[in-house]
Amino acid sequence: MESLGLGYLAAGIGAGASIIGAALGIGKLAAAAMEASGRQPEVAGQVRTSMLIAAALIEGATFFALAICIILATK
């Protein structure tokens, strides 16, 4: 029973770490996109599109990491 509790703990730590990493990545991405839009407003649409694609990739990797944590916690 003790190893099951440690599995839950590890899954919680892994899920938290992946969420924190995604939040930091998206925050840095948004800051860079806003700075780029401020420097060159004429390319703001292209920057926004690139930012959304990159944010979706970050979110996809985060969901994958969360799924792995949940699967490992239930074993």
PDB file of N, CA and C in Angstrom:
ATOM      1  N   MET A   1       0.817  -1.192   0.000  1.00  0.00           N
ATOM      2  CA  MET A   1       0.000   0.000   0.000  1.00  0.00           C
ATOM      3  C   MET A   1       0.860   1.255   0.000  1.00  0.00           C
ATOM      4  N   GLU A   2       2.038   1.165   0.581  1.00  0.00           N
ATOM      5  CA  GLU A   2       2.912   2.329   0.643  1.00  0.00           C
ATOM      6  C   GLU A   2       3.434   2.717  -0.735  1.00  0.00           C
ATOM      7  N   SER A   3       3.727   1.723  -1.581  1.00  0.00           N
ATOM      8  CA  SER A   3       4.216   2.041  -2.913  1.00  0.00           C
ATOM      9  C   SER A   3       3.134   2.702  -3.759  1.00  0.00           C
ATOM     10  N   LEU A   4       1.871   2.357  -3.507  1.00  0.00           N
ATOM     11  CA  LEU A   4       0.773   2.994  -4.226  1.00  0.00           C
ATOM     12  C   LEU A   4       0.698   4.478  -3.870  1.00  0.00           C
ATOM     13  N   GLY A   5       0.878   4.795  -2.599  1.00  0.00           N
ATOM     14  CA  GLY A   5       0.876   6.186  -2.162  1.00  0.00           C
ATOM     15  C   GLY A   5       2.025   6.969  -2.768  1.00  0.00           C
ATOM     16  N   LEU A   6       3.187   6.330  -2.870  1.00  0.00           N
ATOM     17  CA  LEU A   6       4.331   6.998  -3.486  1.00  0.00           C
ATOM     18  C   LEU A   6       4.102   7.222  -4.974  1.00  0.00           C
ATOM     19  N   GLY A   7       3.377   6.302  -5.617  1.00  0.00           N
ATOM     20  CA  GLY A   7       3.037   6.481  -7.026  1.00  0.00           C
ATOM     21  C   GLY A   7       2.137   7.692  -7.233  1.00  0.00           C
ATOM     22  N   TYR A   8       1.171   7.848  -6.347  1.00  0.00           N
ATOM     23  CA  TYR A   8       0.298   9.018  -6.415  1.00  0.00           C
ATOM     24  C   TYR A   8       1.075  10.305  -6.170  1.00  0.00           C
ATOM     25  N   LEU A   9       1.987  10.252  -5.221  1.00  0.00           N
ATOM     26  CA  LEU A   9       2.807  11.425  -4.930  1.00  0.00           C
ATOM     27  C   LEU A   9       3.679  11.803  -6.129  1.00  0.00           C
ATOM     28  N   ALA A  10       4.313  10.810  -6.741  1.00  0.00           N
ATOM     29  CA  ALA A  10       5.157  11.073  -7.903  1.00  0.00           C
ATOM     30  C   ALA A  10       4.341  11.604  -9.068  1.00  0.00           C
ATOM     31  N   ALA A  11       3.134  11.059  -9.256  1.00  0.00           N
ATOM     32  CA  ALA A  11       2.270  11.546 -10.343  1.00  0.00           C
ATOM     33  C   ALA A  11       1.856  12.989 -10.085  1.00  0.00           C
ATOM     34  N   GLY A  12       1.565  13.319  -8.836  1.00  0.00           N
ATOM     35  CA  GLY A  12       1.205  14.698  -8.510  1.00  0.00           C
ATOM     36  C   GLY A  12       2.353  15.664  -8.725  1.00  0.00           C
ATOM     37  N   ILE A  13       3.539  15.260  -8.335  1.00  0.00           N
ATOM     38  CA  ILE A  13       4.710  16.112  -8.542  1.00  0.00           C
ATOM     39  C   ILE A  13       4.999  16.269 -10.034  1.00  0.00           C
ATOM     40  N   GLY A  14       4.896  15.177 -10.780  1.00  0.00           N
ATOM     41  CA  GLY A  14       5.126  15.248 -12.227  1.00  0.00           C
ATOM     42  C   GLY A  14       4.099  16.118 -12.933  1.00  0.00           C
ATOM     43  N   ALA A  15       2.840  15.993 -12.529  1.00  0.00           N
ATOM     44  CA  ALA A  15       1.794  16.816 -13.140  1.00  0.00           C
ATOM     45  C   ALA A  15       2.018  18.284 -12.807  1.00  0.00           C
ATOM     46  N   GLY A  16       2.367  18.573 -11.571  1.00  0.00           N
ATOM     47  CA  GLY A  16       2.627  19.959 -11.184  1.00  0.00           C
ATOM     48  C   GLY A  16       3.816  20.552 -11.928  1.00  0.00           C
ATOM     49  N   ALA A  17       4.859  19.764 -12.076  1.00  0.00           N
ATOM     50  CA  ALA A  17       6.043  20.244 -12.794  1.00  0.00           C
ATOM     51  C   ALA A  17       5.735  20.508 -14.263  1.00  0.00           C
ATOM     52  N   SER A  18       4.936  19.642 -14.883  1.00  0.00           N
ATOM     53  CA  SER A  18       4.610  19.865 -16.291  1.00  0.00           C
ATOM     54  C   SER A  18       3.727  21.093 -16.468  1.00  0.00           C
ATOM     55  N   ILE A  19       2.803  21.339 -15.541  1.00  0.00           N
ATOM     56  CA  ILE A  19       1.950  22.526 -15.621  1.00  0.00           C
ATOM     57  C   ILE A  19       2.774  23.795 -15.406  1.00  0.00           C
ATOM     58  N   ILE A  20       3.682  23.763 -14.445  1.00  0.00           N
ATOM     59  CA  ILE A  20       4.533  24.935 -14.204  1.00  0.00           C
ATOM     60  C   ILE A  20       5.410  25.221 -15.423  1.00  0.00           C
ATOM     61  N   GLY A  21       5.962  24.166 -16.020  1.00  0.00           N
ATOM     62  CA  GLY A  21       6.784  24.349 -17.210  1.00  0.00           C
ATOM     63  C   GLY A  21       5.995  24.930 -18.371  1.00  0.00           C
ATOM     64  N   ALA A  22       4.769  24.460 -18.559  1.00  0.00           N
ATOM     65  CA  ALA A  22       3.932  24.986 -19.631  1.00  0.00           C
ATOM     66  C   ALA A  22       3.567  26.444 -19.381  1.00  0.00           C
ATOM     67  N   ALA A  23       3.262  26.779 -18.135  1.00  0.00           N
ATOM     68  CA  ALA A  23       2.914  28.163 -17.813  1.00  0.00           C
ATOM     69  C   ALA A  23       4.090  29.099 -18.067  1.00  0.00           C
ATOM     70  N   LEU A  24       5.275  28.671 -17.680  1.00  0.00           N
ATOM     71  CA  LEU A  24       6.461  29.497 -17.931  1.00  0.00           C
ATOM     72  C   LEU A  24       6.722  29.646 -19.425  1.00  0.00           C
ATOM     73  N   GLY A  25       6.564  28.545 -20.169  1.00  0.00           N
ATOM     74  CA  GLY A  25       6.788  28.602 -21.618  1.00  0.00           C
ATOM     75  C   GLY A  25       5.799  29.500 -22.332  1.00  0.00           C
ATOM     76  N   ILE A  26       4.527  29.382 -21.989  1.00  0.00           N
ATOM     77  CA  ILE A  26       3.517  30.214 -22.641  1.00  0.00           C
ATOM     78  C   ILE A  26       3.682  31.673 -22.222  1.00  0.00           C
ATOM     79  N   GLY A  27       4.050  31.915 -20.979  1.00  0.00           N
ATOM     80  CA  GLY A  27       4.292  33.287 -20.536  1.00  0.00           C
ATOM     81  C   GLY A  27       5.437  33.939 -21.289  1.00  0.00           C
ATOM     82  N   LYS A  28       6.516  33.200 -21.456  1.00  0.00           N
ATOM     83  CA  LYS A  28       7.658  33.728 -22.200  1.00  0.00           C
ATOM     84  C   LYS A  28       7.304  33.939 -23.675  1.00  0.00           C
ATOM     85  N   LEU A  29       6.522  33.019 -24.222  1.00  0.00           N
ATOM     86  CA  LEU A  29       6.078  33.129 -25.607  1.00  0.00           C
ATOM     87  C   LEU A  29       5.213  34.362 -25.811  1.00  0.00           C
ATOM     88  N   ALA A  30       4.272  34.595 -24.921  1.00  0.00           N
ATOM     89  CA  ALA A  30       3.387  35.749 -25.040  1.00  0.00           C
ATOM     90  C   ALA A  30       4.156  37.056 -24.876  1.00  0.00           C
ATOM     91  N   ALA A  31       5.107  37.081 -23.946  1.00  0.00           N
ATOM     92  CA  ALA A  31       5.907  38.295 -23.750  1.00  0.00           C
ATOM     93  C   ALA A  31       6.715  38.625 -25.002  1.00  0.00           C
ATOM     94  N   ALA A  32       7.303  37.606 -25.613  1.00  0.00           N
ATOM     95  CA  ALA A  32       8.084  37.833 -26.826  1.00  0.00           C
ATOM     96  C   ALA A  32       7.192  38.270 -27.979  1.00  0.00           C
ATOM     97  N   ALA A  33       6.002  37.701 -28.071  1.00  0.00           N
ATOM     98  CA  ALA A  33       5.081  38.084 -29.145  1.00  0.00           C
ATOM     99  C   ALA A  33       4.604  39.522 -28.973  1.00  0.00           C
ATOM    100  N   MET A  34       4.318  39.923 -27.739  1.00  0.00           N
ATOM    101  CA  MET A  34       3.885  41.306 -27.509  1.00  0.00           C
ATOM    102  C   MET A  34       5.011  42.292 -27.801  1.00  0.00           C
ATOM    103  N   GLU A  35       6.227  41.914 -27.451  1.00  0.00           N
ATOM    104  CA  GLU A  35       7.354  42.788 -27.751  1.00  0.00           C
ATOM    105  C   GLU A  35       7.567  42.912 -29.259  1.00  0.00           C
ATOM    106  N   ALA A  36       7.433  41.795 -29.966  1.00  0.00           N
ATOM    107  CA  ALA A  36       7.591  41.830 -31.420  1.00  0.00           C
ATOM    108  C   ALA A  36       6.494  42.665 -32.071  1.00  0.00           C
ATOM    109  N   SER A  37       5.272  42.536 -31.563  1.00  0.00           N
ATOM    110  CA  SER A  37       4.166  43.332 -32.108  1.00  0.00           C
ATOM    111  C   SER A  37       4.363  44.812 -31.818  1.00  0.00           C
ATOM    112  N   GLY A  38       4.928  45.130 -30.678  1.00  0.00           N
ATOM    113  CA  GLY A  38       5.191  46.523 -30.343  1.00  0.00           C
ATOM    114  C   GLY A  38       6.300  47.119 -31.193  1.00  0.00           C
ATOM    115  N   ARG A  39       7.285  46.319 -31.532  1.00  0.00           N
ATOM    116  CA  ARG A  39       8.390  46.826 -32.347  1.00  0.00           C
ATOM    117  C   ARG A  39       8.002  46.980 -33.810  1.00  0.00           C
ATOM    118  N   GLN A  40       7.212  46.021 -34.320  1.00  0.00           N
ATOM    119  CA  GLN A  40       6.798  46.064 -35.720  1.00  0.00           C
ATOM    120  C   GLN A  40       5.301  45.766 -35.812  1.00  0.00           C
ATOM    121  N   PRO A  41       4.472  46.771 -35.654  1.00  0.00           N
ATOM    122  CA  PRO A  41       3.022  46.542 -35.642  1.00  0.00           C
ATOM    123  C   PRO A  41       2.467  45.989 -36.958  1.00  0.00           C
ATOM    124  N   GLU A  42       3.161  46.183 -38.046  1.00  0.00           N
ATOM    125  CA  GLU A  42       2.651  45.717 -39.344  1.00  0.00           C
ATOM    126  C   GLU A  42       2.682  44.195 -39.486  1.00  0.00           C
ATOM    127  N   VAL A  43       3.462  43.504 -38.683  1.00  0.00           N
ATOM    128  CA  VAL A  43       3.509  42.038 -38.734  1.00  0.00           C
ATOM    129  C   VAL A  43       2.823  41.396 -37.526  1.00  0.00           C
ATOM    130  N   ALA A  44       1.980  42.160 -36.849  1.00  0.00           N
ATOM    131  CA  ALA A  44       1.330  41.661 -35.642  1.00  0.00           C
ATOM    132  C   ALA A  44       0.460  40.438 -35.931  1.00  0.00           C
ATOM    133  N   GLY A  45      -0.205  40.397 -37.074  1.00  0.00           N
ATOM    134  CA  GLY A  45      -1.044  39.244 -37.420  1.00  0.00           C
ATOM    135  C   GLY A  45      -0.236  37.971 -37.598  1.00  0.00           C
ATOM    136  N   GLN A  46       0.898  38.077 -38.260  1.00  0.00           N
ATOM    137  CA  GLN A  46       1.751  36.909 -38.457  1.00  0.00           C
ATOM    138  C   GLN A  46       2.351  36.441 -37.137  1.00  0.00           C
ATOM    139  N   VAL A  47       2.721  37.389 -36.292  1.00  0.00           N
ATOM    140  CA  VAL A  47       3.280  37.038 -34.981  1.00  0.00           C
ATOM    141  C   VAL A  47       2.222  36.334 -34.138  1.00  0.00           C
ATOM    142  N   ARG A  48       0.980  36.841 -34.197  1.00  0.00           N
ATOM    143  CA  ARG A  48      -0.100  36.232 -33.423  1.00  0.00           C
ATOM    144  C   ARG A  48      -0.351  34.801 -33.882  1.00  0.00           C
ATOM    145  N   THR A  49      -0.344  34.589 -35.189  1.00  0.00           N
ATOM    146  CA  THR A  49      -0.552  33.235 -35.717  1.00  0.00           C
ATOM    147  C   THR A  49       0.553  32.291 -35.265  1.00  0.00           C
ATOM    148  N   SER A  50       1.790  32.742 -35.359  1.00  0.00           N
ATOM    149  CA  SER A  50       2.914  31.916 -34.918  1.00  0.00           C
ATOM    150  C   SER A  50       2.843  31.646 -33.422  1.00  0.00           C
ATOM    151  N   MET A  51       2.409  32.644 -32.642  1.00  0.00           N
ATOM    152  CA  MET A  51       2.293  32.469 -31.199  1.00  0.00           C
ATOM    153  C   MET A  51       1.231  31.432 -30.865  1.00  0.00           C
ATOM    154  N   LEU A  52       0.095  31.473 -31.554  1.00  0.00           N
ATOM    155  CA  LEU A  52      -0.970  30.515 -31.276  1.00  0.00           C
ATOM    156  C   LEU A  52      -0.552  29.092 -31.623  1.00  0.00           C
ATOM    157  N   ILE A  53       0.176  28.923 -32.711  1.00  0.00           N
ATOM    158  CA  ILE A  53       0.649  27.592 -33.092  1.00  0.00           C
ATOM    159  C   ILE A  53       1.632  27.062 -32.043  1.00  0.00           C
ATOM    160  N   ALA A  54       2.556  27.917 -31.618  1.00  0.00           N
ATOM    161  CA  ALA A  54       3.526  27.494 -30.598  1.00  0.00           C
ATOM    162  C   ALA A  54       2.842  27.207 -29.267  1.00  0.00           C
ATOM    163  N   ALA A  55       1.848  28.007 -28.899  1.00  0.00           N
ATOM    164  CA  ALA A  55       1.128  27.766 -27.656  1.00  0.00           C
ATOM    165  C   ALA A  55       0.368  26.441 -27.715  1.00  0.00           C
ATOM    166  N   ALA A  56      -0.195  26.119 -28.871  1.00  0.00           N
ATOM    167  CA  ALA A  56      -0.899  24.844 -29.022  1.00  0.00           C
ATOM    168  C   ALA A  56       0.070  23.673 -28.889  1.00  0.00           C
ATOM    169  N   LEU A  57       1.265  23.809 -29.425  1.00  0.00           N
ATOM    170  CA  LEU A  57       2.265  22.750 -29.287  1.00  0.00           C
ATOM    171  C   LEU A  57       2.686  22.578 -27.833  1.00  0.00           C
ATOM    172  N   ILE A  58       2.838  23.676 -27.109  1.00  0.00           N
ATOM    173  CA  ILE A  58       3.190  23.593 -25.693  1.00  0.00           C
ATOM    174  C   ILE A  58       2.077  22.909 -24.913  1.00  0.00           C
ATOM    175  N   GLU A  59       0.832  23.297 -25.194  1.00  0.00           N
ATOM    176  CA  GLU A  59      -0.305  22.678 -24.504  1.00  0.00           C
ATOM    177  C   GLU A  59      -0.401  21.189 -24.832  1.00  0.00           C
ATOM    178  N   GLY A  60      -0.138  20.812 -26.068  1.00  0.00           N
ATOM    179  CA  GLY A  60      -0.180  19.396 -26.452  1.00  0.00           C
ATOM    180  C   GLY A  60       0.851  18.583 -25.696  1.00  0.00           C
ATOM    181  N   ALA A  61       2.043  19.118 -25.585  1.00  0.00           N
ATOM    182  CA  ALA A  61       3.090  18.412 -24.831  1.00  0.00           C
ATOM    183  C   ALA A  61       2.729  18.314 -23.351  1.00  0.00           C
ATOM    184  N   THR A  62       2.081  19.347 -22.828  1.00  0.00           N
ATOM    185  CA  THR A  62       1.661  19.326 -21.429  1.00  0.00           C
ATOM    186  C   THR A  62       0.580  18.279 -21.196  1.00  0.00           C
ATOM    187  N   PHE A  63      -0.394  18.206 -22.087  1.00  0.00           N
ATOM    188  CA  PHE A  63      -1.448  17.193 -21.942  1.00  0.00           C
ATOM    189  C   PHE A  63      -0.875  15.788 -22.036  1.00  0.00           C
ATOM    190  N   PHE A  64       0.116  15.597 -22.902  1.00  0.00           N
ATOM    191  CA  PHE A  64       0.766  14.303 -23.021  1.00  0.00           C
ATOM    192  C   PHE A  64       1.471  13.944 -21.715  1.00  0.00           C
ATOM    193  N   ALA A  65       2.183  14.912 -21.119  1.00  0.00           N
ATOM    194  CA  ALA A  65       2.865  14.670 -19.845  1.00  0.00           C
ATOM    195  C   ALA A  65       1.861  14.362 -18.737  1.00  0.00           C
ATOM    196  N   LEU A  66       0.740  15.073 -18.725  1.00  0.00           N
ATOM    197  CA  LEU A  66      -0.287  14.797 -17.715  1.00  0.00           C
ATOM    198  C   LEU A  66      -0.883  13.407 -17.896  1.00  0.00           C
ATOM    199  N   ALA A  67      -1.103  13.002 -19.140  1.00  0.00           N
ATOM    200  CA  ALA A  67      -1.640  11.664 -19.397  1.00  0.00           C
ATOM    201  C   ALA A  67      -0.669  10.592 -18.910  1.00  0.00           C
ATOM    202  N   ILE A  68       0.616  10.796 -19.135  1.00  0.00           N
ATOM    203  CA  ILE A  68       1.612   9.844 -18.664  1.00  0.00           C
ATOM    204  C   ILE A  68       1.600   9.775 -17.131  1.00  0.00           C
ATOM    205  N   CYS A  69       1.495  10.927 -16.477  1.00  0.00           N
ATOM    206  CA  CYS A  69       1.440  10.931 -15.001  1.00  0.00           C
ATOM    207  C   CYS A  69       0.223  10.182 -14.496  1.00  0.00           C
ATOM    208  N   ILE A  70      -0.910  10.371 -15.129  1.00  0.00           N
ATOM    209  CA  ILE A  70      -2.130   9.670 -14.689  1.00  0.00           C
ATOM    210  C   ILE A  70      -2.001   8.181 -14.926  1.00  0.00           C
ATOM    211  N   ILE A  71      -1.462   7.790 -16.069  1.00  0.00           N
ATOM    212  CA  ILE A  71      -1.294   6.356 -16.360  1.00  0.00           C
ATOM    213  C   ILE A  71      -0.338   5.720 -15.361  1.00  0.00           C
ATOM    214  N   LEU A  72       0.762   6.388 -15.059  1.00  0.00           N
ATOM    215  CA  LEU A  72       1.722   5.839 -14.106  1.00  0.00           C
ATOM    216  C   LEU A  72       1.146   5.786 -12.689  1.00  0.00           C
ATOM    217  N   ALA A  73       0.266   6.698 -12.351  1.00  0.00           N
ATOM    218  CA  ALA A  73      -0.320   6.701 -11.005  1.00  0.00           C
ATOM    219  C   ALA A  73      -1.292   5.551 -10.827  1.00  0.00           C
ATOM    220  N   THR A  74      -1.926   5.108 -11.896  1.00  0.00           N
ATOM    221  CA  THR A  74      -2.927   4.049 -11.773  1.00  0.00           C
ATOM    222  C   THR A  74      -2.332   2.649 -11.883  1.00  0.00           C
ATOM    223  N   LYS A  75      -1.066   2.532 -12.180  1.00  0.00           N
ATOM    224  CA  LYS A  75      -0.443   1.207 -12.280  1.00  0.00           C
ATOM    225  C   LYS A  75      -0.056   0.683 -10.931  1.00  0.00           C
TER     226      LYS A  75
END
